[in-house]
Amino acid sequence: MSDPTPDEPYRIPLLVPQFLTERRLRERLTELGHAPHYSHELVGFDQDTDGVTARLATPDGERTVRASYLIGADGGSSFVRKALGIGFPGKTLGVRAIVADVLVDGVSSDAWHRWGEETAAQVSMCPLYGTDMFQLQAPIPFDVDIDLSAEGLTSFLHERSGRTDVVIRSVSWASAFEMNARLADTYRHERVFLTGDAAHCHPPTGGQGLNTSVQDAYNLGWKLAAVLDGAPESLLSTHEKERRPIAEAVLGLSERLLEAAKNRDTHRGREVSQLDLGYLDSPLSMTSPDRAYGVRAARPMRP
């Protein structure tokens, strides 16, 4: 790793557990005077020239909400995307894996522990920054049911690592998933938008998923706020023009890293940092001066 610079003081990736990221988002929402509604499910929506009417299933019965726009940020199996009939072309990558956030005895938190690195039966335990938890990661066969309880994952870990002194005490979250690479045909249909995993999904190699989705949300969020505050509605068309090429590039990068990982190559280059992203072809980007220094439109700052 190269040394930090004033332009780029943070050079080493920081593995923050997703629940801490979600907590910070909820805290920020509270600071703005709002709160999420739990146990609410979107079951249908209709849109017209003035807005969107959404139907929600709630613990107190069905509720109708009227809004100027609707954002589908509802994951890879997005109800919103399917309701709009937007295609989600791509491919299944032939890899199945488990991931779980766990409390575990028998391993230290000063290292990322890996066993069976040169085999298909590898397993790893990654310490999660800011907690006393670890994330368990491992590829698994397609035709095997995995017990994701603490007892089941302990047995799984014992079998793969040979370490019977390592014991998982509790599981806060776990998933067995099949890796896909897919990109929505469009991010928008009239007053309804797709963002995050609803618009794109890819393997976790490279660690791009959450960062890319948060960038999507920020990009769309400020533009919606500006339009609701009187900016031209055409501003919203730049969201897909700016963000879809980023997602397309991330899909290609994560697939390449996955293939490299299959060949035991875990090298990561500068591209995984996402510090060099820009929107040179965006309609919002003005022609920049022909110089190699200073602030230039739509280009990331580089030394």
Protein backbone atom coordinates (compact mmCIF):
# COMPACT_ATOMS: atom_id res chain seq x y z
CA MET A 1 0.00 0.00 0.00
CA SER A 2 1.24 3.50 -0.80
CA ASP A 3 1.39 6.09 1.96
CA PRO A 4 -1.59 8.37 2.68
CA THR A 5 -1.64 11.82 1.09
CA PRO A 6 -3.65 14.97 1.84
CA ASP A 7 -5.80 14.18 -1.20
CA GLU A 8 -6.36 10.56 -0.19
CA PRO A 9 -5.83 10.12 3.56
CA TYR A 10 -7.65 6.77 3.75
CA ARG A 11 -5.91 4.11 1.70
CA ILE A 12 -6.85 0.89 3.47
CA PRO A 13 -10.42 -0.47 3.04
CA LEU A 14 -12.41 -0.36 6.27
CA LEU A 15 -14.78 -3.31 6.76
CA VAL A 16 -17.72 -1.79 8.61
CA PRO A 17 -20.62 -4.15 9.36
CA GLN A 18 -23.77 -3.25 7.49
CA PHE A 19 -25.89 -2.96 10.62
CA LEU A 20 -23.68 -0.09 11.86
CA THR A 21 -24.10 1.68 8.52
CA GLU A 22 -27.87 1.20 8.77
CA ARG A 23 -27.82 2.51 12.35
CA ARG A 24 -26.06 5.67 11.25
CA LEU A 25 -28.60 6.20 8.49
CA ARG A 26 -31.45 5.82 10.99
CA GLU A 27 -29.73 8.26 13.34
CA ARG A 28 -29.40 10.79 10.53
CA LEU A 29 -33.05 10.29 9.65
CA THR A 30 -33.95 11.03 13.28
CA GLU A 31 -31.82 14.18 13.21
CA LEU A 32 -33.94 15.32 10.25
CA GLY A 33 -37.15 14.67 12.19
CA HIS A 34 -38.21 11.38 10.58
CA ALA A 35 -38.22 7.65 11.33
CA PRO A 36 -38.63 4.44 9.31
CA HIS A 37 -41.91 2.53 9.43
CA TYR A 38 -41.34 -1.17 10.11
CA SER A 39 -43.69 -4.04 9.14
CA HIS A 40 -44.96 -2.01 6.18
CA GLU A 41 -45.02 -3.65 2.74
CA LEU A 42 -45.59 -2.02 -0.62
CA VAL A 43 -48.32 -4.08 -2.31
CA GLY A 44 -49.16 -1.87 -5.29
CA PHE A 45 -48.90 1.57 -6.82
CA ASP A 46 -50.30 3.71 -9.62
CA GLN A 47 -48.86 6.84 -11.15
CA ASP A 48 -50.24 9.76 -13.14
CA THR A 49 -48.90 13.06 -14.41
CA ASP A 50 -48.94 14.62 -10.94
CA GLY A 51 -47.62 11.86 -8.67
CA VAL A 52 -47.72 8.31 -7.39
CA THR A 53 -50.31 6.59 -5.21
CA ALA A 54 -48.80 3.72 -3.22
CA ARG A 55 -50.73 1.01 -1.35
CA LEU A 56 -49.09 -0.30 1.81
CA ALA A 57 -49.94 -3.34 3.92
CA THR A 58 -49.42 -2.33 7.58
CA PRO A 59 -50.12 -3.96 10.96
CA ASP A 60 -53.24 -1.76 11.11
CA GLY A 61 -54.50 -2.67 7.65
CA GLU A 62 -53.94 -1.27 4.16
CA ARG A 63 -52.89 2.35 3.88
CA THR A 64 -52.63 4.65 0.87
CA VAL A 65 -49.83 7.17 0.47
CA ARG A 66 -49.67 9.92 -2.14
CA ALA A 67 -46.28 11.32 -3.18
CA SER A 68 -44.67 13.18 -6.04
CA TYR A 69 -42.26 10.31 -6.76
CA LEU A 70 -41.64 6.71 -5.71
CA ILE A 71 -38.18 5.19 -5.29
CA GLY A 72 -37.73 1.44 -5.56
CA ALA A 73 -34.76 0.72 -3.29
CA ASP A 74 -36.07 -2.75 -2.50
CA GLY A 75 -33.20 -5.03 -3.45
CA GLY A 76 -32.39 -7.52 -6.15
CA SER A 77 -35.84 -9.10 -6.11
CA SER A 78 -37.42 -5.63 -6.31
CA PHE A 79 -41.23 -5.58 -6.26
CA VAL A 80 -41.14 -2.12 -7.82
CA ARG A 81 -39.00 -3.21 -10.76
CA LYS A 82 -41.18 -6.25 -11.42
CA ALA A 83 -44.39 -4.20 -11.15
CA LEU A 84 -43.04 -1.80 -13.76
CA GLY A 85 -42.07 -4.69 -16.05
CA ILE A 86 -38.49 -3.44 -16.31
CA GLY A 87 -36.11 -6.12 -17.57
CA PHE A 88 -33.21 -7.27 -15.38
CA PRO A 89 -30.93 -9.06 -17.83
CA GLY A 90 -27.70 -10.70 -16.79
CA LYS A 91 -26.49 -14.10 -15.72
CA THR A 92 -26.09 -16.51 -12.85
CA LEU A 93 -22.40 -16.91 -12.09
CA GLY A 94 -22.37 -20.51 -10.85
CA VAL A 95 -21.21 -19.64 -7.33
CA ARG A 96 -23.14 -20.14 -4.10
CA ALA A 97 -21.90 -18.86 -0.73
CA ILE A 98 -22.85 -18.18 2.85
CA VAL A 99 -22.18 -15.03 4.84
CA ALA A 100 -23.01 -14.53 8.53
CA ASP A 101 -22.33 -11.96 11.23
CA VAL A 102 -21.47 -13.92 14.37
CA LEU A 103 -20.07 -13.79 17.89
CA VAL A 104 -17.32 -16.40 18.16
CA ASP A 105 -14.86 -17.73 20.71
CA GLY A 106 -11.39 -19.01 19.84
CA VAL A 107 -10.12 -16.46 17.30
CA SER A 108 -8.41 -13.10 17.77
CA SER A 109 -9.75 -9.87 16.28
CA ASP A 110 -6.37 -8.63 15.03
CA ALA A 111 -6.41 -10.67 11.83
CA TRP A 112 -8.60 -12.07 9.07
CA HIS A 113 -8.54 -15.84 9.62
CA ARG A 114 -8.72 -18.20 6.63
CA TRP A 115 -8.61 -21.97 6.32
CA GLY A 116 -8.45 -24.17 3.23
CA GLU A 117 -7.44 -21.25 1.04
CA GLU A 118 -6.32 -23.47 -1.84
CA THR A 119 -9.46 -25.63 -1.82
CA ALA A 120 -13.15 -25.41 -2.62
CA ALA A 121 -13.80 -25.96 1.09
CA GLN A 122 -12.27 -22.71 2.24
CA VAL A 123 -13.80 -20.64 5.06
CA SER A 124 -12.85 -17.31 6.58
CA MET A 125 -13.59 -15.23 9.68
CA CYS A 126 -13.26 -11.48 9.20
CA PRO A 127 -13.29 -9.16 12.25
CA LEU A 128 -15.97 -6.45 11.93
CA TYR A 129 -14.71 -2.99 12.76
CA GLY A 130 -16.32 -1.30 15.76
CA THR A 131 -17.78 -4.52 17.18
CA ASP A 132 -16.69 -7.75 18.85
CA MET A 133 -18.23 -9.70 15.97
CA PHE A 134 -16.83 -11.55 12.96
CA GLN A 135 -18.22 -12.18 9.51
CA LEU A 136 -18.06 -15.80 8.41
CA GLN A 137 -17.69 -16.28 4.65
CA ALA A 138 -17.49 -19.49 2.63
CA PRO A 139 -18.44 -20.97 -0.76
CA ILE A 140 -20.95 -23.81 -0.55
CA PRO A 141 -22.32 -26.43 -2.99
CA PHE A 142 -25.62 -25.83 -4.74
CA ASP A 143 -27.20 -29.10 -3.66
CA VAL A 144 -26.57 -28.86 0.10
CA ASP A 145 -28.84 -27.38 2.76
CA ILE A 146 -26.85 -25.32 5.28
CA ASP A 147 -27.90 -24.96 8.91
CA LEU A 148 -27.39 -21.24 9.62
CA SER A 149 -27.92 -21.51 13.39
CA ALA A 150 -25.00 -21.01 15.79
CA GLU A 151 -24.75 -24.77 16.28
CA GLY A 152 -24.95 -25.48 12.56
CA LEU A 153 -22.31 -22.91 11.62
CA THR A 154 -20.03 -24.13 14.42
CA SER A 155 -20.19 -27.65 13.00
CA PHE A 156 -19.63 -26.26 9.49
CA LEU A 157 -16.58 -24.32 10.70
CA HIS A 158 -15.18 -27.33 12.59
CA GLU A 159 -15.46 -29.50 9.49
CA ARG A 160 -13.73 -27.02 7.19
CA SER A 161 -11.10 -25.60 9.53
CA GLY A 162 -10.32 -28.58 11.74
CA ARG A 163 -10.42 -26.18 14.69
CA THR A 164 -12.77 -27.59 17.33
CA ASP A 165 -11.74 -24.83 19.75
CA VAL A 166 -13.52 -22.20 17.63
CA VAL A 167 -17.17 -21.91 18.72
CA ILE A 168 -19.86 -19.62 17.34
CA ARG A 169 -21.95 -18.33 20.24
CA SER A 170 -24.67 -16.44 18.35
CA VAL A 171 -25.71 -15.38 14.84
CA SER A 172 -27.14 -11.90 14.31
CA TRP A 173 -27.66 -12.31 10.56
CA ALA A 174 -26.93 -15.03 8.00
CA SER A 175 -27.65 -15.73 4.36
CA ALA A 176 -26.99 -18.44 1.77
CA PHE A 177 -27.07 -16.85 -1.67
CA GLU A 178 -26.34 -17.47 -5.32
CA MET A 179 -24.19 -14.91 -7.09
CA ASN A 180 -25.66 -13.04 -10.04
CA ALA A 181 -24.63 -10.15 -12.27
CA ARG A 182 -27.62 -8.18 -13.55
CA LEU A 183 -28.43 -4.64 -14.65
CA ALA A 184 -31.88 -3.11 -15.09
CA ASP A 185 -32.84 -2.03 -18.61
CA THR A 186 -33.74 1.42 -17.25
CA TYR A 187 -33.63 3.16 -13.89
CA ARG A 188 -36.84 5.13 -14.39
CA HIS A 189 -40.41 4.82 -15.58
CA GLU A 190 -42.11 8.23 -15.46
CA ARG A 191 -42.33 9.13 -11.73
CA VAL A 192 -40.89 5.87 -10.37
CA PHE A 193 -37.15 5.28 -9.97
CA LEU A 194 -34.96 2.28 -9.23
CA THR A 195 -31.81 2.59 -7.18
CA GLY A 196 -29.29 0.34 -5.45
CA ASP A 197 -29.65 -3.42 -5.80
CA ALA A 198 -33.08 -2.97 -7.37
CA ALA A 199 -31.21 -1.54 -10.38
CA HIS A 200 -28.08 -3.70 -10.30
CA CYS A 201 -26.68 -6.74 -8.53
CA HIS A 202 -23.29 -8.38 -8.70
CA PRO A 203 -21.01 -10.70 -6.73
CA PRO A 204 -19.50 -9.24 -3.53
CA THR A 205 -15.92 -9.59 -4.77
CA GLY A 206 -14.25 -6.21 -4.51
CA GLY A 207 -16.67 -4.93 -1.87
CA GLN A 208 -18.48 -2.55 -4.24
CA GLY A 209 -22.14 -3.27 -3.48
CA LEU A 210 -23.05 -1.03 -0.57
CA ASN A 211 -20.79 1.82 -1.71
CA THR A 212 -22.29 1.82 -5.21
CA SER A 213 -25.83 1.78 -3.86
CA VAL A 214 -25.21 4.60 -1.38
CA GLN A 215 -23.72 6.65 -4.22
CA ASP A 216 -26.89 5.94 -6.24
CA ALA A 217 -29.09 7.14 -3.39
CA TYR A 218 -27.08 10.31 -2.83
CA ASN A 219 -27.11 11.12 -6.55
CA LEU A 220 -30.87 10.66 -6.84
CA GLY A 221 -31.61 12.23 -3.45
CA TRP A 222 -30.12 15.65 -4.07
CA LYS A 223 -31.71 15.83 -7.51
CA LEU A 224 -35.17 14.97 -6.19
CA ALA A 225 -34.75 17.57 -3.44
CA ALA A 226 -33.73 20.18 -6.00
CA VAL A 227 -36.67 19.42 -8.30
CA LEU A 228 -39.14 19.51 -5.40
CA ASP A 229 -37.63 22.88 -4.51
CA GLY A 230 -38.20 24.26 -8.00
CA ALA A 231 -35.35 23.04 -10.20
CA PRO A 232 -36.21 21.84 -13.74
CA GLU A 233 -37.68 18.35 -13.80
CA SER A 234 -35.20 17.45 -16.55
CA LEU A 235 -32.52 17.28 -13.85
CA LEU A 236 -33.86 13.85 -12.89
CA SER A 237 -32.94 12.38 -16.27
CA THR A 238 -29.26 12.78 -15.40
CA HIS A 239 -29.47 10.19 -12.59
CA GLU A 240 -29.48 7.20 -14.94
CA LYS A 241 -27.04 8.83 -17.35
CA GLU A 242 -24.52 9.26 -14.54
CA ARG A 243 -25.09 6.18 -12.40
CA ARG A 244 -25.90 3.36 -14.84
CA PRO A 245 -22.44 3.41 -16.48
CA ILE A 246 -20.90 3.20 -12.99
CA ALA A 247 -22.98 0.11 -12.17
CA GLU A 248 -22.12 -1.45 -15.53
CA ALA A 249 -18.42 -1.00 -14.80
CA VAL A 250 -18.81 -2.43 -11.28
CA LEU A 251 -20.51 -5.53 -12.71
CA GLY A 252 -17.56 -6.10 -15.03
CA LEU A 253 -15.03 -5.48 -12.26
CA SER A 254 -16.69 -7.78 -9.73
CA GLU A 255 -17.01 -10.57 -12.31
CA ARG A 256 -13.32 -10.28 -13.18
CA LEU A 257 -12.37 -10.38 -9.50
CA LEU A 258 -14.58 -13.42 -8.98
CA GLU A 259 -12.90 -15.29 -11.82
CA ALA A 260 -9.50 -14.29 -10.46
CA ALA A 261 -10.48 -15.50 -6.99
CA LYS A 262 -11.42 -18.88 -8.46
CA ASN A 263 -7.79 -19.07 -9.62
CA ARG A 264 -6.54 -18.11 -6.13
CA ASP A 265 -5.65 -14.58 -7.26
CA THR A 266 -6.83 -12.13 -4.59
CA HIS A 267 -4.95 -9.07 -5.85
CA ARG A 268 -6.94 -5.84 -5.65
CA GLY A 269 -5.99 -2.78 -7.66
CA ARG A 270 -6.83 0.87 -7.27
CA GLU A 271 -10.11 0.49 -9.11
CA VAL A 272 -11.83 -1.16 -6.12
CA SER A 273 -11.43 2.04 -4.07
CA GLN A 274 -13.92 3.92 -6.30
CA LEU A 275 -11.90 7.11 -5.73
CA ASP A 276 -11.54 7.78 -9.46
CA LEU A 277 -15.21 7.86 -10.43
CA GLY A 278 -16.50 10.82 -12.38
CA TYR A 279 -19.28 11.87 -14.74
CA LEU A 280 -17.37 13.22 -17.72
CA ASP A 281 -20.22 12.47 -20.13
CA SER A 282 -23.01 13.85 -17.93
CA PRO A 283 -25.16 16.68 -19.31
CA LEU A 284 -24.31 18.48 -16.05
CA SER A 285 -20.57 18.45 -16.79
CA MET A 286 -19.30 21.69 -18.30
CA THR A 287 -16.30 21.65 -20.58
CA SER A 288 -13.23 21.74 -18.37
CA PRO A 289 -10.04 23.72 -19.03
CA ASP A 290 -7.21 21.87 -20.70
CA ARG A 291 -4.94 21.57 -17.66
CA ALA A 292 -3.63 18.79 -15.47
CA TYR A 293 -4.09 20.49 -12.10
CA GLY A 294 -6.79 22.09 -9.97
CA VAL A 295 -10.50 21.37 -9.91
CA ARG A 296 -11.84 20.10 -13.21
CA ALA A 297 -15.49 19.41 -14.02
CA ALA A 298 -16.71 15.88 -13.33
CA ARG A 299 -13.20 14.57 -12.60
CA PRO A 300 -12.08 13.21 -9.24
CA MET A 301 -9.30 15.08 -7.50
CA ARG A 302 -5.96 13.32 -8.06
CA PRO A 303 -2.49 14.29 -6.91
